[in-house]
């Protein structure tokens, strides 16, 4: 028998809960990446708090330049007055070794930088774009957020990914349907050390694939092998065109790979680690 005491909140009620949460803050720095979650949080923070909401993005070799450019363009469109903070996670040996705690060290570095920025700007709170969906997955970055007392207003409001995309579409955020993104280090198998050279190689390969019109993809880095993941619906476009496949192989070899493969399982989150577990 269903629990009749359970109240299912509508999207409008969750939106109002988000607004009320933000309204209680004297000021906040939003950790912004350009993805739909942090973009929506930045939008509402600016809408509710105006100049008392600061929007900051972490810039390092782990962020693809095309992602940074898109984040900058959206921030300019919505007058976020974007603050760019250069982070140093790639100098941290604990981050470089790329074990299961890499994201923890990355977020710890980011939040420490934002704490310093908050002191400089006399802002009390820091917030990031964690959502309800994140509670169903292992997210080492969440531990860092708790340690640094970073707020998660979207999660507090009970918002899920599909709801966030709906709200973002309503307010015309360009990121509303942007594919899932992750830092370039996520393309490396667990325990393969992170280097700037590897990240640059991956970034060039993915930027080239995007230039061909492929949208949701990953180029997984396995030493001399580039393993391409694309969505199944885009595979016919690639597999039916022998010349296109040859061009992709040639271009990625220019970037330093010796072998270029297409993963028939298609794109999936965490694909680099799934493959390493199966090998």
Protein backbone atom coordinates (compact mmCIF):
# COMPACT_ATOMS: atom_id res chain seq x y z
CA UNK A 1 0.00 0.00 0.00
CA UNK A 2 1.36 3.42 -0.98
CA UNK A 3 2.33 5.89 1.72
CA UNK A 4 -0.35 8.57 1.45
CA UNK A 5 1.69 10.91 3.68
CA UNK A 6 4.39 11.26 1.04
CA UNK A 7 4.20 14.62 -0.68
CA UNK A 8 5.44 14.73 -4.27
CA UNK A 9 6.68 18.23 -4.99
CA UNK A 10 6.02 19.79 -8.37
CA UNK A 11 8.77 21.40 -10.40
CA UNK A 12 7.37 24.83 -9.51
CA UNK A 13 7.50 23.99 -5.81
CA UNK A 14 11.11 22.86 -6.11
CA UNK A 15 11.94 26.03 -7.99
CA UNK A 16 10.45 28.10 -5.19
CA UNK A 17 12.38 26.06 -2.64
CA UNK A 18 15.57 26.89 -4.53
CA UNK A 19 14.71 30.60 -4.56
CA UNK A 20 13.92 30.57 -0.82
CA UNK A 21 17.19 28.80 0.00
CA UNK A 22 19.22 31.31 -1.98
CA UNK A 23 17.31 34.24 -0.48
CA UNK A 24 18.53 33.29 3.00
CA UNK A 25 22.16 33.85 1.98
CA UNK A 26 23.89 37.18 2.52
CA UNK A 27 26.17 36.38 -0.40
CA UNK A 28 27.54 33.36 -2.22
CA UNK A 29 30.22 32.26 -4.65
CA UNK A 30 28.89 29.73 -7.15
CA UNK A 31 31.38 27.16 -8.45
CA UNK A 32 30.49 27.27 -12.14
CA UNK A 33 31.63 24.92 -14.90
CA UNK A 34 29.30 25.79 -17.75
CA UNK A 35 27.40 22.52 -17.37
CA UNK A 36 23.64 22.69 -16.94
CA UNK A 37 23.63 22.11 -13.16
CA UNK A 38 26.06 24.84 -12.14
CA UNK A 39 24.68 27.12 -14.86
CA UNK A 40 21.17 26.91 -13.45
CA UNK A 41 22.49 27.52 -9.95
CA UNK A 42 24.44 30.55 -11.15
CA UNK A 43 21.39 31.88 -12.98
CA UNK A 44 19.11 31.68 -9.94
CA UNK A 45 21.78 32.95 -7.56
CA UNK A 46 22.23 36.06 -9.70
CA UNK A 47 18.47 36.44 -10.10
CA UNK A 48 17.84 36.27 -6.35
CA UNK A 49 20.97 37.89 -4.94
CA UNK A 50 22.09 40.14 -7.80
CA UNK A 51 25.62 41.47 -7.15
CA UNK A 52 25.82 39.50 -3.90
CA UNK A 53 26.16 36.34 -6.00
CA UNK A 54 29.60 35.81 -7.51
CA UNK A 55 30.23 33.22 -10.22
CA UNK A 56 33.66 31.60 -10.50
CA UNK A 57 35.09 29.00 -12.87
CA UNK A 58 38.20 26.88 -12.30
CA UNK A 59 40.67 27.02 -15.18
CA UNK A 60 43.33 24.34 -15.64
CA UNK A 61 44.60 21.83 -18.20
CA UNK A 62 41.87 19.41 -17.12
CA UNK A 63 39.15 21.70 -18.55
CA UNK A 64 38.76 21.50 -22.35
CA UNK A 65 39.20 24.89 -23.98
CA UNK A 66 35.96 24.50 -25.96
CA UNK A 67 34.12 23.94 -22.65
CA UNK A 68 35.73 27.06 -21.20
CA UNK A 69 34.76 29.11 -24.25
CA UNK A 70 31.14 27.93 -24.05
CA UNK A 71 31.05 28.71 -20.32
CA UNK A 72 32.45 32.19 -20.95
CA UNK A 73 29.93 32.91 -23.71
CA UNK A 74 26.98 31.86 -21.54
CA UNK A 75 28.29 33.87 -18.60
CA UNK A 76 28.58 36.95 -20.78
CA UNK A 77 25.08 36.44 -22.19
CA UNK A 78 23.56 36.33 -18.70
CA UNK A 79 25.86 38.92 -17.10
CA UNK A 80 27.39 36.54 -14.56
CA UNK A 81 30.51 38.75 -14.33
CA UNK A 82 32.56 35.58 -14.45
CA UNK A 83 35.62 35.25 -12.24
CA UNK A 84 38.29 32.88 -13.57
CA UNK A 85 40.38 31.09 -10.95
CA UNK A 86 43.47 29.17 -12.01
CA UNK A 87 43.60 25.96 -10.00
CA UNK A 88 46.66 23.82 -9.34
CA UNK A 89 45.29 20.30 -8.94
CA UNK A 90 47.70 19.03 -11.61
CA UNK A 91 50.60 19.93 -9.33
CA UNK A 92 49.23 17.73 -6.55
CA UNK A 93 50.88 14.25 -6.48
CA UNK A 94 47.69 12.80 -4.96
CA UNK A 95 45.72 14.06 -7.95
CA UNK A 96 48.36 12.98 -10.45
CA UNK A 97 48.36 9.35 -9.35
CA UNK A 98 44.71 9.12 -10.46
CA UNK A 99 43.36 6.66 -7.94
CA UNK A 100 39.77 6.51 -6.74
CA UNK A 101 40.19 9.76 -4.80
CA UNK A 102 41.23 11.97 -7.76
CA UNK A 103 37.95 13.90 -7.78
CA UNK A 104 38.25 14.49 -4.04
CA UNK A 105 41.65 16.14 -4.46
CA UNK A 106 40.40 18.17 -7.43
CA UNK A 107 37.39 19.52 -5.54
CA UNK A 108 39.48 20.11 -2.40
CA UNK A 109 41.83 22.28 -4.44
CA UNK A 110 38.92 24.15 -6.02
CA UNK A 111 37.10 24.80 -2.75
CA UNK A 112 40.30 25.95 -1.05
CA UNK A 113 40.82 28.46 -3.87
CA UNK A 114 37.20 29.61 -3.59
CA UNK A 115 37.53 30.00 0.18
CA UNK A 116 40.44 32.37 -0.41
CA UNK A 117 38.39 34.24 -3.01
CA UNK A 118 35.46 34.42 -0.57
CA UNK A 119 37.70 36.02 2.05
CA UNK A 120 38.96 38.55 -0.47
CA UNK A 121 35.42 39.43 -1.56
CA UNK A 122 33.95 39.25 1.96
CA UNK A 123 31.47 36.55 0.91
CA UNK A 124 30.33 34.03 3.52
CA UNK A 125 29.09 31.08 1.47
CA UNK A 126 30.26 28.85 -1.40
CA UNK A 127 27.82 26.70 -3.39
CA UNK A 128 28.18 24.09 -6.10
CA UNK A 129 25.89 22.26 -8.51
CA UNK A 130 25.35 18.92 -6.77
CA UNK A 131 21.90 17.49 -7.56
CA UNK A 132 19.69 14.66 -6.36
CA UNK A 133 21.06 12.25 -8.98
CA UNK A 134 24.52 12.58 -7.42
CA UNK A 135 23.27 10.89 -4.25
CA UNK A 136 22.86 7.63 -6.19
CA UNK A 137 26.52 7.50 -7.25
CA UNK A 138 29.97 7.50 -5.66
CA UNK A 139 31.13 11.10 -5.76
CA UNK A 140 34.42 11.70 -3.92
CA UNK A 141 33.98 15.42 -4.61
CA UNK A 142 30.98 15.44 -2.29
CA UNK A 143 33.28 14.57 0.62
CA UNK A 144 35.42 17.58 -0.20
CA UNK A 145 32.29 19.74 -0.31
CA UNK A 146 31.27 18.59 3.16
CA UNK A 147 34.73 19.21 4.58
CA UNK A 148 34.74 22.74 3.17
CA UNK A 149 31.09 23.34 4.15
CA UNK A 150 30.06 24.04 0.58
CA UNK A 151 26.33 24.37 0.01
CA UNK A 152 24.32 22.39 -2.56
CA UNK A 153 21.11 24.42 -3.09
CA UNK A 154 19.88 22.35 -6.05
CA UNK A 155 20.07 19.22 -3.95
CA UNK A 156 18.42 20.97 -1.00
CA UNK A 157 15.52 21.86 -3.30
CA UNK A 158 15.24 18.22 -4.38
CA UNK A 159 15.98 18.89 -8.04
CA UNK A 160 16.81 16.03 -10.41
CA UNK A 161 18.65 16.27 -13.72
CA UNK A 162 15.56 16.20 -15.95
CA UNK A 163 13.97 18.95 -13.85
CA UNK A 164 17.10 21.07 -14.02
CA UNK A 165 17.15 20.74 -17.80
CA UNK A 166 13.49 21.82 -17.93
CA UNK A 167 14.14 24.91 -15.82
CA UNK A 168 17.27 25.74 -17.81
CA UNK A 169 15.33 25.48 -21.07
CA UNK A 170 12.62 27.77 -19.71
CA UNK A 171 15.13 30.52 -18.99
CA UNK A 172 16.99 29.92 -22.28
CA UNK A 173 20.32 28.83 -20.86
CA UNK A 174 22.38 27.53 -23.81
CA UNK A 175 23.60 24.67 -21.61
CA UNK A 176 20.09 23.28 -21.05
CA UNK A 177 20.69 20.35 -23.42
CA UNK A 178 24.47 20.30 -23.29
CA UNK A 179 25.83 16.73 -23.16
CA UNK A 180 27.25 15.38 -19.92
CA UNK A 181 30.76 16.69 -19.43
CA UNK A 182 33.63 15.70 -17.17
CA UNK A 183 37.22 16.77 -16.73
CA UNK A 184 39.73 15.44 -19.24
CA UNK A 185 41.40 13.31 -16.55
CA UNK A 186 38.32 11.08 -16.56
CA UNK A 187 39.42 9.74 -19.96
CA UNK A 188 42.38 7.99 -18.33
CA UNK A 189 41.99 4.55 -16.75
CA UNK A 190 42.17 4.47 -12.98
CA UNK A 191 45.74 4.55 -11.66
CA UNK A 192 47.27 5.77 -14.92
CA UNK A 193 49.12 8.96 -13.91
CA UNK A 194 47.68 12.26 -15.10
CA UNK A 195 49.99 14.49 -17.11
CA UNK A 196 49.42 17.71 -19.02
CA UNK A 197 50.72 16.02 -22.18
CA UNK A 198 48.10 13.27 -22.00
CA UNK A 199 45.30 15.75 -21.33
CA UNK A 200 46.40 17.87 -24.29
CA UNK A 201 46.39 14.81 -26.55
CA UNK A 202 42.89 13.84 -25.43
CA UNK A 203 41.61 17.41 -25.78
CA UNK A 204 42.83 17.69 -29.38
CA UNK A 205 41.26 14.35 -30.30
CA UNK A 206 37.86 15.21 -28.79
CA UNK A 207 37.85 18.70 -30.27
CA UNK A 208 38.46 17.16 -33.71
CA UNK A 209 35.59 14.68 -33.22
CA UNK A 210 33.30 17.51 -32.17
CA UNK A 211 34.29 19.46 -35.28
CA UNK A 212 32.93 16.55 -37.33
CA UNK A 213 29.53 16.92 -35.68
CA UNK A 214 29.73 14.14 -33.07
CA UNK A 215 28.11 15.44 -29.91
CA UNK A 216 28.22 13.07 -26.94
CA UNK A 217 31.58 11.32 -27.01
CA UNK A 218 34.74 10.40 -25.18
CA UNK A 219 38.22 9.61 -26.46
CA UNK A 220 39.54 7.18 -23.86
CA UNK A 221 43.32 7.23 -23.52
CA UNK A 222 45.07 3.86 -23.26
CA UNK A 223 48.71 4.70 -23.92
CA UNK A 224 49.20 4.35 -27.68
CA UNK A 225 45.52 3.51 -28.19
CA UNK A 226 42.68 6.00 -28.56
CA UNK A 227 39.36 4.27 -27.86
CA UNK A 228 36.47 6.35 -29.18
CA UNK A 229 33.07 6.16 -27.50
CA UNK A 230 30.10 7.73 -29.31
CA UNK A 231 26.37 7.28 -28.86
CA UNK A 232 24.86 4.33 -30.71
CA UNK A 233 22.58 6.59 -32.74
CA UNK A 234 25.66 8.30 -34.19
CA UNK A 235 27.49 5.11 -35.12
CA UNK A 236 25.85 4.69 -38.56
CA UNK A 237 27.21 8.10 -39.56
CA UNK A 238 30.72 6.92 -38.80
CA UNK A 239 30.62 3.25 -39.77
CA UNK A 240 28.99 3.89 -43.16
CA UNK A 241 31.74 6.27 -44.21
CA UNK A 242 35.07 4.54 -44.82
CA UNK A 243 36.78 7.81 -45.77
CA UNK A 244 35.61 9.47 -42.57
CA UNK A 245 36.97 6.60 -40.49
CA UNK A 246 40.30 6.86 -42.29
CA UNK A 247 40.42 10.62 -41.75
CA UNK A 248 39.74 10.21 -38.02
CA UNK A 249 42.43 7.56 -37.68
CA UNK A 250 44.95 9.72 -39.55
CA UNK A 251 44.17 12.83 -37.53
CA UNK A 252 44.36 11.10 -34.14
CA UNK A 253 47.67 9.54 -35.17
CA UNK A 254 48.90 13.08 -35.85
CA UNK A 255 48.09 13.80 -32.21
CA UNK A 256 50.37 10.94 -31.10
CA UNK A 257 48.22 7.82 -31.01
CA UNK A 258 49.39 4.71 -32.88
CA UNK A 259 46.07 2.89 -32.88
CA UNK A 260 42.53 4.28 -33.10
CA UNK A 261 39.55 2.09 -32.20
CA UNK A 262 35.77 2.48 -31.98
CA UNK A 263 34.15 1.00 -28.87
CA UNK A 264 31.07 -0.88 -30.06
CA UNK A 265 29.53 -0.64 -26.60
CA UNK A 266 29.11 3.09 -27.26
CA UNK A 267 29.37 6.07 -24.96
CA UNK A 268 28.83 5.53 -21.24
CA UNK A 269 29.86 7.40 -18.14
CA UNK A 270 32.98 6.00 -16.50
CA UNK A 271 33.90 4.07 -19.62
CA UNK A 272 37.64 4.34 -19.02
CA UNK A 273 37.39 2.59 -15.67
CA UNK A 274 34.90 -0.03 -16.90
CA UNK A 275 37.30 -1.06 -19.63
CA UNK A 276 40.26 -1.26 -17.25
CA UNK A 277 38.29 -3.50 -14.89
CA UNK A 278 37.40 -5.89 -17.71
CA UNK A 279 40.96 -6.17 -19.09
